[in-house]
Amino acid sequence: MRISVDHARCEGHGLCAGQAPDVFDLDDDAQVVYLFEGGTVPPEHLAAARAAVNVCPVAALRELQH
């Protein structure tokens, strides 16, 4: 699974980081940091990553199809 992050859309709510702290973080400017940028989410983090995508209130995260 790969995730697309729309940084312009992110409002820094941090719900993604709360839902999947091993996949997402917030930087000092409260912008989302995708910890697997350019790669795929490891299998052990898939459920949390999908939950984080679904919980984003501004749809800044999107699961990419293969």
Protein backbone atom coordinates (compact mmCIF):
# COMPACT_ATOMS: atom_id res chain seq x y z
CA MET A 1 0.00 0.00 0.00
CA ARG A 2 1.19 3.47 -0.91
CA ILE A 3 -0.26 6.72 0.36
CA SER A 4 -0.49 10.10 -1.33
CA VAL A 5 -0.28 13.14 0.94
CA ASP A 6 -1.77 16.45 -0.17
CA HIS A 7 0.34 18.81 1.93
CA ALA A 8 -1.56 21.87 0.71
CA ARG A 9 -4.78 20.37 2.04
CA CYS A 10 -3.38 19.27 5.43
CA GLU A 11 -4.56 21.45 8.32
CA GLY A 12 -2.44 19.76 10.98
CA HIS A 13 -5.23 18.15 12.98
CA GLY A 14 -2.89 15.25 13.81
CA LEU A 15 -5.56 12.57 13.72
CA CYS A 16 -3.45 10.54 11.29
CA ALA A 17 -0.46 10.59 13.64
CA GLY A 18 -2.69 9.61 16.53
CA GLN A 19 -4.20 6.74 14.55
CA ALA A 20 -0.94 5.48 13.00
CA PRO A 21 2.10 6.93 14.81
CA ASP A 22 4.44 4.48 13.07
CA VAL A 23 3.29 5.78 9.67
CA PHE A 24 2.59 9.50 10.20
CA ASP A 25 3.99 12.32 12.28
CA LEU A 26 3.57 16.09 12.40
CA ASP A 27 6.49 18.44 11.86
CA ASP A 28 7.13 21.65 13.82
CA ASP A 29 4.69 23.50 11.55
CA ALA A 30 1.93 20.93 12.23
CA GLN A 31 2.19 19.49 8.73
CA VAL A 32 1.88 15.77 8.15
CA VAL A 33 5.04 13.76 7.62
CA TYR A 34 4.54 10.40 5.90
CA LEU A 35 7.30 8.22 7.32
CA PHE A 36 7.35 5.91 4.29
CA GLU A 37 7.47 8.66 1.63
CA GLY A 38 8.44 7.13 -1.69
CA GLY A 39 7.80 3.62 -0.43
CA THR A 40 5.09 1.30 0.70
CA VAL A 41 3.60 0.87 4.13
CA PRO A 42 4.90 -2.33 5.74
CA PRO A 43 2.28 -5.06 6.24
CA GLU A 44 2.28 -4.72 10.02
CA HIS A 45 1.11 -1.09 9.72
CA LEU A 46 -1.54 -1.50 6.99
CA ALA A 47 -4.61 -1.50 9.23
CA ALA A 48 -3.50 1.58 11.15
CA ALA A 49 -2.51 3.39 7.92
CA ARG A 50 -5.92 2.73 6.35
CA ALA A 51 -7.65 3.93 9.51
CA ALA A 52 -5.55 7.11 9.42
CA VAL A 53 -6.48 7.78 5.78
CA ASN A 54 -10.15 7.38 6.68
CA VAL A 55 -10.02 9.60 9.76
CA CYS A 56 -8.46 12.66 8.06
CA PRO A 57 -11.14 15.38 8.29
CA VAL A 58 -9.87 17.24 5.19
CA ALA A 59 -9.08 14.22 2.99
CA ALA A 60 -5.39 15.13 2.75
CA LEU A 61 -4.47 11.42 2.65
CA ARG A 62 -5.35 8.97 -0.08
CA GLU A 63 -4.56 5.31 -0.55
CA LEU A 64 -3.05 4.75 -3.98
CA GLN A 65 -4.06 1.78 -6.08
CA HIS A 66 -1.28 -0.40 -7.45
